[in-house]
Amino acid sequence: MTLSTPDYVYGLAPTPFGLYQLAGNAAEMVQERGVTKGGSYLDPLEACTVKARGTYGGPAPHIGFRCVCEVSYPNRK
């Protein structure tokens, strides 16, 4: 199934880790130039896996990146 726009992030149940929509809403840019991982709402379901690879040549509404940061709580007991 493909959609014409991104889906609502809370539209499906969370993973066992409490995360929502990690694959399928947008293909993610990786460090390797011009390469994406995963699929987007424009791709067929079989392309929406962590191992799926794609390419891109510039900005597109179905390609993005995931910001990651490490959080620490030094005063938390």
PDB file of N, CA and C in Angstrom:
ATOM      1  N   MET A   1       0.839  -1.185   0.000  1.00  0.00           N
ATOM      2  CA  MET A   1       0.000   0.000   0.000  1.00  0.00           C
ATOM      3  C   MET A   1       0.879   1.242   0.000  1.00  0.00           C
ATOM      4  N   THR A   2       0.600   2.196  -0.827  1.00  0.00           N
ATOM      5  CA  THR A   2       1.300   3.471  -0.815  1.00  0.00           C
ATOM      6  C   THR A   2       0.299   4.582  -0.545  1.00  0.00           C
ATOM      7  N   LEU A   3       0.775   5.623   0.083  1.00  0.00           N
ATOM      8  CA  LEU A   3      -0.052   6.783   0.390  1.00  0.00           C
ATOM      9  C   LEU A   3       0.430   7.964  -0.425  1.00  0.00           C
ATOM     10  N   SER A   4      -0.393   8.972  -0.589  1.00  0.00           N
ATOM     11  CA  SER A   4       0.014  10.148  -1.353  1.00  0.00           C
ATOM     12  C   SER A   4       0.677  11.201  -0.479  1.00  0.00           C
ATOM     13  N   THR A   5       0.611  11.046   0.828  1.00  0.00           N
ATOM     14  CA  THR A   5       1.242  11.976   1.772  1.00  0.00           C
ATOM     15  C   THR A   5       1.764  11.189   2.960  1.00  0.00           C
ATOM     16  N   PRO A   6       2.640  11.791   3.781  1.00  0.00           N
ATOM     17  CA  PRO A   6       3.077  11.094   4.990  1.00  0.00           C
ATOM     18  C   PRO A   6       1.886  10.776   5.894  1.00  0.00           C
ATOM     19  N   ASP A   7       2.009   9.723   6.658  1.00  0.00           N
ATOM     20  CA  ASP A   7       0.943   9.292   7.559  1.00  0.00           C
ATOM     21  C   ASP A   7       1.128   9.930   8.926  1.00  0.00           C
ATOM     22  N   TYR A   8       0.043   9.988   9.701  1.00  0.00           N
ATOM     23  CA  TYR A   8       0.073  10.502  11.060  1.00  0.00           C
ATOM     24  C   TYR A   8       0.983   9.607  11.891  1.00  0.00           C
ATOM     25  N   VAL A   9       1.928  10.195  12.611  1.00  0.00           N
ATOM     26  CA  VAL A   9       2.949   9.431  13.318  1.00  0.00           C
ATOM     27  C   VAL A   9       2.373   8.479  14.366  1.00  0.00           C
ATOM     28  N   TYR A  10       1.263   8.824  14.990  1.00  0.00           N
ATOM     29  CA  TYR A  10       0.679   7.956  16.010  1.00  0.00           C
ATOM     30  C   TYR A  10      -0.435   7.078  15.450  1.00  0.00           C
ATOM     31  N   GLY A  11      -0.473   6.901  14.136  1.00  0.00           N
ATOM     32  CA  GLY A  11      -1.520   6.119  13.503  1.00  0.00           C
ATOM     33  C   GLY A  11      -1.445   4.624  13.770  1.00  0.00           C
ATOM     34  N   LEU A  12      -0.288   4.123  14.115  1.00  0.00           N
ATOM     35  CA  LEU A  12      -0.103   2.701  14.411  1.00  0.00           C
ATOM     36  C   LEU A  12       0.343   2.525  15.853  1.00  0.00           C
ATOM     37  N   ALA A  13       0.332   1.309  16.331  1.00  0.00           N
ATOM     38  CA  ALA A  13       0.771   1.025  17.696  1.00  0.00           C
ATOM     39  C   ALA A  13       2.274   1.233  17.837  1.00  0.00           C
ATOM     40  N   PRO A  14       2.751   1.597  19.031  1.00  0.00           N
ATOM     41  CA  PRO A  14       4.190   1.777  19.229  1.00  0.00           C
ATOM     42  C   PRO A  14       4.920   0.438  19.248  1.00  0.00           C
ATOM     43  N   THR A  15       6.239   0.494  19.055  1.00  0.00           N
ATOM     44  CA  THR A  15       7.086  -0.688  19.173  1.00  0.00           C
ATOM     45  C   THR A  15       7.198  -1.067  20.648  1.00  0.00           C
ATOM     46  N   PRO A  16       7.804  -2.210  20.963  1.00  0.00           N
ATOM     47  CA  PRO A  16       8.004  -2.569  22.370  1.00  0.00           C
ATOM     48  C   PRO A  16       8.827  -1.529  23.150  1.00  0.00           C
ATOM     49  N   PHE A  17       9.589  -0.687  22.433  1.00  0.00           N
ATOM     50  CA  PHE A  17      10.379   0.364  23.076  1.00  0.00           C
ATOM     51  C   PHE A  17       9.591   1.668  23.225  1.00  0.00           C
ATOM     52  N   GLY A  18       8.332   1.677  22.790  1.00  0.00           N
ATOM     53  CA  GLY A  18       7.504   2.876  22.897  1.00  0.00           C
ATOM     54  C   GLY A  18       7.717   3.877  21.777  1.00  0.00           C
ATOM     55  N   LEU A  19       8.338   3.455  20.677  1.00  0.00           N
ATOM     56  CA  LEU A  19       8.613   4.346  19.545  1.00  0.00           C
ATOM     57  C   LEU A  19       7.560   4.176  18.462  1.00  0.00           C
ATOM     58  N   TYR A  20       7.325   5.232  17.702  1.00  0.00           N
ATOM     59  CA  TYR A  20       6.321   5.215  16.641  1.00  0.00           C
ATOM     60  C   TYR A  20       6.953   5.443  15.276  1.00  0.00           C
ATOM     61  N   GLN A  21       6.446   4.747  14.252  1.00  0.00           N
ATOM     62  CA  GLN A  21       6.750   4.997  12.843  1.00  0.00           C
ATOM     63  C   GLN A  21       8.241   5.182  12.542  1.00  0.00           C
ATOM     64  N   LEU A  22       9.045   4.193  12.850  1.00  0.00           N
ATOM     65  CA  LEU A  22      10.469   4.300  12.557  1.00  0.00           C
ATOM     66  C   LEU A  22      10.798   4.008  11.103  1.00  0.00           C
ATOM     67  N   ALA A  23       9.960   3.309  10.416  1.00  0.00           N
ATOM     68  CA  ALA A  23      10.229   2.995   9.016  1.00  0.00           C
ATOM     69  C   ALA A  23       8.987   3.285   8.182  1.00  0.00           C
ATOM     70  N   GLY A  24       9.204   3.885   7.019  1.00  0.00           N
ATOM     71  CA  GLY A  24       8.101   4.021   6.080  1.00  0.00           C
ATOM     72  C   GLY A  24       7.564   5.406   5.856  1.00  0.00           C
ATOM     73  N   ASN A  25       7.738   6.335   6.773  1.00  0.00           N
ATOM     74  CA  ASN A  25       7.197   7.667   6.547  1.00  0.00           C
ATOM     75  C   ASN A  25       8.121   8.483   5.647  1.00  0.00           C
ATOM     76  N   ALA A  26       9.409   8.381   5.877  1.00  0.00           N
ATOM     77  CA  ALA A  26      10.384   9.079   5.046  1.00  0.00           C
ATOM     78  C   ALA A  26      11.639   8.233   4.962  1.00  0.00           C
ATOM     79  N   ALA A  27      12.221   8.146   3.765  1.00  0.00           N
ATOM     80  CA  ALA A  27      13.507   7.473   3.620  1.00  0.00           C
ATOM     81  C   ALA A  27      14.551   8.362   4.282  1.00  0.00           C
ATOM     82  N   GLU A  28      15.495   7.774   4.990  1.00  0.00           N
ATOM     83  CA  GLU A  28      16.468   8.557   5.742  1.00  0.00           C
ATOM     84  C   GLU A  28      17.802   8.660   5.023  1.00  0.00           C
ATOM     85  N   MET A  29      18.320   9.888   4.958  1.00  0.00           N
ATOM     86  CA  MET A  29      19.650  10.116   4.418  1.00  0.00           C
ATOM     87  C   MET A  29      20.657   9.493   5.380  1.00  0.00           C
ATOM     88  N   VAL A  30      21.721   8.938   4.826  1.00  0.00           N
ATOM     89  CA  VAL A  30      22.798   8.367   5.638  1.00  0.00           C
ATOM     90  C   VAL A  30      24.090   9.082   5.300  1.00  0.00           C
ATOM     91  N   GLN A  31      25.160   8.721   5.981  1.00  0.00           N
ATOM     92  CA  GLN A  31      26.428   9.406   5.787  1.00  0.00           C
ATOM     93  C   GLN A  31      26.943   9.289   4.349  1.00  0.00           C
ATOM     94  N   GLU A  32      26.688   8.169   3.700  1.00  0.00           N
ATOM     95  CA  GLU A  32      27.122   7.972   2.321  1.00  0.00           C
ATOM     96  C   GLU A  32      26.313   8.895   1.401  1.00  0.00           C
ATOM     97  N   ARG A  33      26.989   9.745   0.665  1.00  0.00           N
ATOM     98  CA  ARG A  33      26.328  10.762  -0.151  1.00  0.00           C
ATOM     99  C   ARG A  33      25.378  10.139  -1.183  1.00  0.00           C
ATOM    100  N   GLY A  34      24.154  10.673  -1.248  1.00  0.00           N
ATOM    101  CA  GLY A  34      23.184  10.247  -2.239  1.00  0.00           C
ATOM    102  C   GLY A  34      22.464   8.940  -1.933  1.00  0.00           C
ATOM    103  N   VAL A  35      22.652   8.397  -0.727  1.00  0.00           N
ATOM    104  CA  VAL A  35      22.053   7.104  -0.369  1.00  0.00           C
ATOM    105  C   VAL A  35      21.032   7.309   0.747  1.00  0.00           C
ATOM    106  N   THR A  36      19.914   6.602   0.629  1.00  0.00           N
ATOM    107  CA  THR A  36      18.917   6.595   1.695  1.00  0.00           C
ATOM    108  C   THR A  36      18.738   5.170   2.207  1.00  0.00           C
ATOM    109  N   LYS A  37      18.247   5.067   3.419  1.00  0.00           N
ATOM    110  CA  LYS A  37      17.911   3.772   4.006  1.00  0.00           C
ATOM    111  C   LYS A  37      16.432   3.793   4.349  1.00  0.00           C
ATOM    112  N   GLY A  38      15.807   2.640   4.252  1.00  0.00           N
ATOM    113  CA  GLY A  38      14.382   2.555   4.524  1.00  0.00           C
ATOM    114  C   GLY A  38      13.583   3.105   3.353  1.00  0.00           C
ATOM    115  N   GLY A  39      12.299   3.066   3.474  1.00  0.00           N
ATOM    116  CA  GLY A  39      11.443   3.568   2.412  1.00  0.00           C
ATOM    117  C   GLY A  39      10.614   4.733   2.896  1.00  0.00           C
ATOM    118  N   SER A  40       9.791   5.248   2.018  1.00  0.00           N
ATOM    119  CA  SER A  40       8.922   6.362   2.361  1.00  0.00           C
ATOM    120  C   SER A  40       7.483   6.013   2.024  1.00  0.00           C
ATOM    121  N   TYR A  41       6.604   6.956   2.242  1.00  0.00           N
ATOM    122  CA  TYR A  41       5.192   6.752   1.930  1.00  0.00           C
ATOM    123  C   TYR A  41       4.958   6.582   0.425  1.00  0.00           C
ATOM    124  N   LEU A  42       5.955   6.892  -0.399  1.00  0.00           N
ATOM    125  CA  LEU A  42       5.832   6.707  -1.847  1.00  0.00           C
ATOM    126  C   LEU A  42       6.260   5.319  -2.308  1.00  0.00           C
ATOM    127  N   ASP A  43       6.910   4.563  -1.419  1.00  0.00           N
ATOM    128  CA  ASP A  43       7.459   3.264  -1.789  1.00  0.00           C
ATOM    129  C   ASP A  43       6.515   2.120  -1.420  1.00  0.00           C
ATOM    130  N   PRO A  44       6.645   0.990  -2.125  1.00  0.00           N
ATOM    131  CA  PRO A  44       5.856  -0.189  -1.743  1.00  0.00           C
ATOM    132  C   PRO A  44       6.324  -0.706  -0.379  1.00  0.00           C
ATOM    133  N   LEU A  45       5.472  -1.454   0.286  1.00  0.00           N
ATOM    134  CA  LEU A  45       5.744  -1.935   1.636  1.00  0.00           C
ATOM    135  C   LEU A  45       7.078  -2.673   1.741  1.00  0.00           C
ATOM    136  N   GLU A  46       7.428  -3.486   0.753  1.00  0.00           N
ATOM    137  CA  GLU A  46       8.680  -4.249   0.831  1.00  0.00           C
ATOM    138  C   GLU A  46       9.918  -3.355   0.801  1.00  0.00           C
ATOM    139  N   ALA A  47       9.787  -2.103   0.372  1.00  0.00           N
ATOM    140  CA  ALA A  47      10.913  -1.172   0.365  1.00  0.00           C
ATOM    141  C   ALA A  47      11.027  -0.409   1.687  1.00  0.00           C
ATOM    142  N   CYS A  48      10.087  -0.622   2.587  1.00  0.00           N
ATOM    143  CA  CYS A  48      10.064   0.096   3.868  1.00  0.00           C
ATOM    144  C   CYS A  48      10.649  -0.758   4.983  1.00  0.00           C
ATOM    145  N   THR A  49      11.873  -1.192   4.781  1.00  0.00           N
ATOM    146  CA  THR A  49      12.571  -1.974   5.794  1.00  0.00           C
ATOM    147  C   THR A  49      13.871  -1.269   6.135  1.00  0.00           C
ATOM    148  N   VAL A  50      14.451  -1.631   7.251  1.00  0.00           N
ATOM    149  CA  VAL A  50      15.704  -1.017   7.672  1.00  0.00           C
ATOM    150  C   VAL A  50      16.829  -1.317   6.683  1.00  0.00           C
ATOM    151  N   LYS A  51      16.791  -2.477   6.039  1.00  0.00           N
ATOM    152  CA  LYS A  51      17.852  -2.861   5.106  1.00  0.00           C
ATOM    153  C   LYS A  51      17.689  -2.273   3.707  1.00  0.00           C
ATOM    154  N   ALA A  52      16.519  -1.738   3.376  1.00  0.00           N
ATOM    155  CA  ALA A  52      16.278  -1.203   2.035  1.00  0.00           C
ATOM    156  C   ALA A  52      17.166   0.017   1.780  1.00  0.00           C
ATOM    157  N   ARG A  53      17.718   0.095   0.568  1.00  0.00           N
ATOM    158  CA  ARG A  53      18.577   1.222   0.180  1.00  0.00           C
ATOM    159  C   ARG A  53      17.977   1.913  -1.033  1.00  0.00           C
ATOM    160  N   GLY A  54      18.154   3.199  -1.098  1.00  0.00           N
ATOM    161  CA  GLY A  54      17.693   3.980  -2.240  1.00  0.00           C
ATOM    162  C   GLY A  54      18.705   5.056  -2.558  1.00  0.00           C
ATOM    163  N   THR A  55      18.400   5.857  -3.553  1.00  0.00           N
ATOM    164  CA  THR A  55      19.279   6.960  -3.934  1.00  0.00           C
ATOM    165  C   THR A  55      18.459   8.228  -4.083  1.00  0.00           C
ATOM    166  N   TYR A  56      19.147   9.356  -4.021  1.00  0.00           N
ATOM    167  CA  TYR A  56      18.498  10.641  -4.248  1.00  0.00           C
ATOM    168  C   TYR A  56      19.507  11.613  -4.837  1.00  0.00           C
ATOM    169  N   GLY A  57      19.000  12.627  -5.510  1.00  0.00           N
ATOM    170  CA  GLY A  57      19.868  13.610  -6.145  1.00  0.00           C
ATOM    171  C   GLY A  57      19.684  15.014  -5.603  1.00  0.00           C
ATOM    172  N   GLY A  58      18.777  15.194  -4.676  1.00  0.00           N
ATOM    173  CA  GLY A  58      18.532  16.510  -4.100  1.00  0.00           C
ATOM    174  C   GLY A  58      17.360  16.455  -3.146  1.00  0.00           C
ATOM    175  N   PRO A  59      16.941  17.604  -2.625  1.00  0.00           N
ATOM    176  CA  PRO A  59      15.830  17.644  -1.677  1.00  0.00           C
ATOM    177  C   PRO A  59      14.553  17.035  -2.261  1.00  0.00           C
ATOM    178  N   ALA A  60      13.799  16.351  -1.426  1.00  0.00           N
ATOM    179  CA  ALA A  60      12.532  15.749  -1.837  1.00  0.00           C
ATOM    180  C   ALA A  60      11.647  15.611  -0.600  1.00  0.00           C
ATOM    181  N   PRO A  61      10.330  15.695  -0.750  1.00  0.00           N
ATOM    182  CA  PRO A  61       9.439  15.627   0.402  1.00  0.00           C
ATOM    183  C   PRO A  61       9.388  14.264   1.080  1.00  0.00           C
ATOM    184  N   HIS A  62       9.893  13.233   0.443  1.00  0.00           N
ATOM    185  CA  HIS A  62       9.845  11.895   1.028  1.00  0.00           C
ATOM    186  C   HIS A  62      11.193  11.433   1.582  1.00  0.00           C
ATOM    187  N   ILE A  63      12.163  12.351   1.675  1.00  0.00           N
ATOM    188  CA  ILE A  63      13.493  12.032   2.195  1.00  0.00           C
ATOM    189  C   ILE A  63      13.797  12.967   3.359  1.00  0.00           C
ATOM    190  N   GLY A  64      14.360  12.411   4.420  1.00  0.00           N
ATOM    191  CA  GLY A  64      14.694  13.225   5.578  1.00  0.00           C
ATOM    192  C   GLY A  64      15.858  12.634   6.342  1.00  0.00           C
ATOM    193  N   PHE A  65      16.067  13.124   7.535  1.00  0.00           N
ATOM    194  CA  PHE A  65      17.102  12.572   8.394  1.00  0.00           C
ATOM    195  C   PHE A  65      16.591  12.558   9.826  1.00  0.00           C
ATOM    196  N   ARG A  66      17.164  11.698  10.632  1.00  0.00           N
ATOM    197  CA  ARG A  66      16.742  11.546  12.021  1.00  0.00           C
ATOM    198  C   ARG A  66      17.819  12.149  12.917  1.00  0.00           C
ATOM    199  N   CYS A  67      17.434  13.126  13.718  1.00  0.00           N
ATOM    200  CA  CYS A  67      18.360  13.727  14.680  1.00  0.00           C
ATOM    201  C   CYS A  67      18.472  12.808  15.890  1.00  0.00           C
ATOM    202  N   VAL A  68      19.689  12.617  16.345  1.00  0.00           N
ATOM    203  CA  VAL A  68      19.931  11.760  17.494  1.00  0.00           C
ATOM    204  C   VAL A  68      20.781  12.527  18.490  1.00  0.00           C
ATOM    205  N   CYS A  69      20.427  12.436  19.749  1.00  0.00           N
ATOM    206  CA  CYS A  69      21.271  13.032  20.778  1.00  0.00           C
ATOM    207  C   CYS A  69      21.260  12.117  22.004  1.00  0.00           C
ATOM    208  N   GLU A  70      22.324  12.186  22.734  1.00  0.00           N
ATOM    209  CA  GLU A  70      22.429  11.404  23.958  1.00  0.00           C
ATOM    210  C   GLU A  70      22.075  12.310  25.129  1.00  0.00           C
ATOM    211  N   VAL A  71      21.179  11.843  25.965  1.00  0.00           N
ATOM    212  CA  VAL A  71      20.719  12.636  27.106  1.00  0.00           C
ATOM    213  C   VAL A  71      21.205  11.983  28.376  1.00  0.00           C
ATOM    214  N   SER A  72      21.752  12.796  29.253  1.00  0.00           N
ATOM    215  CA  SER A  72      22.172  12.266  30.556  1.00  0.00           C
ATOM    216  C   SER A  72      21.528  13.119  31.652  1.00  0.00           C
ATOM    217  N   TYR A  73      21.309  12.501  32.772  1.00  0.00           N
ATOM    218  CA  TYR A  73      20.720  13.164  33.927  1.00  0.00           C
ATOM    219  C   TYR A  73      21.707  13.075  35.081  1.00  0.00           C
ATOM    220  N   PRO A  74      22.679  13.986  35.157  1.00  0.00           N
ATOM    221  CA  PRO A  74      23.730  13.854  36.176  1.00  0.00           C
ATOM    222  C   PRO A  74      23.212  13.949  37.608  1.00  0.00           C
ATOM    223  N   ASN A  75      22.122  14.643  37.839  1.00  0.00           N
ATOM    224  CA  ASN A  75      21.606  14.797  39.199  1.00  0.00           C
ATOM    225  C   ASN A  75      20.512  13.806  39.539  1.00  0.00           C
ATOM    226  N   ARG A  76      20.219  12.904  38.613  1.00  0.00           N
ATOM    227  CA  ARG A  76      19.159  11.926  38.819  1.00  0.00           C
ATOM    228  C   ARG A  76      19.673  10.751  39.637  1.00  0.00           C
ATOM    229  N   LYS A  77      18.901  10.349  40.605  1.00  0.00           N
ATOM    230  CA  LYS A  77      19.335   9.238  41.465  1.00  0.00           C
ATOM    231  C   LYS A  77      18.607   7.975  41.107  1.00  0.00           C
TER     232      LYS A  77
END
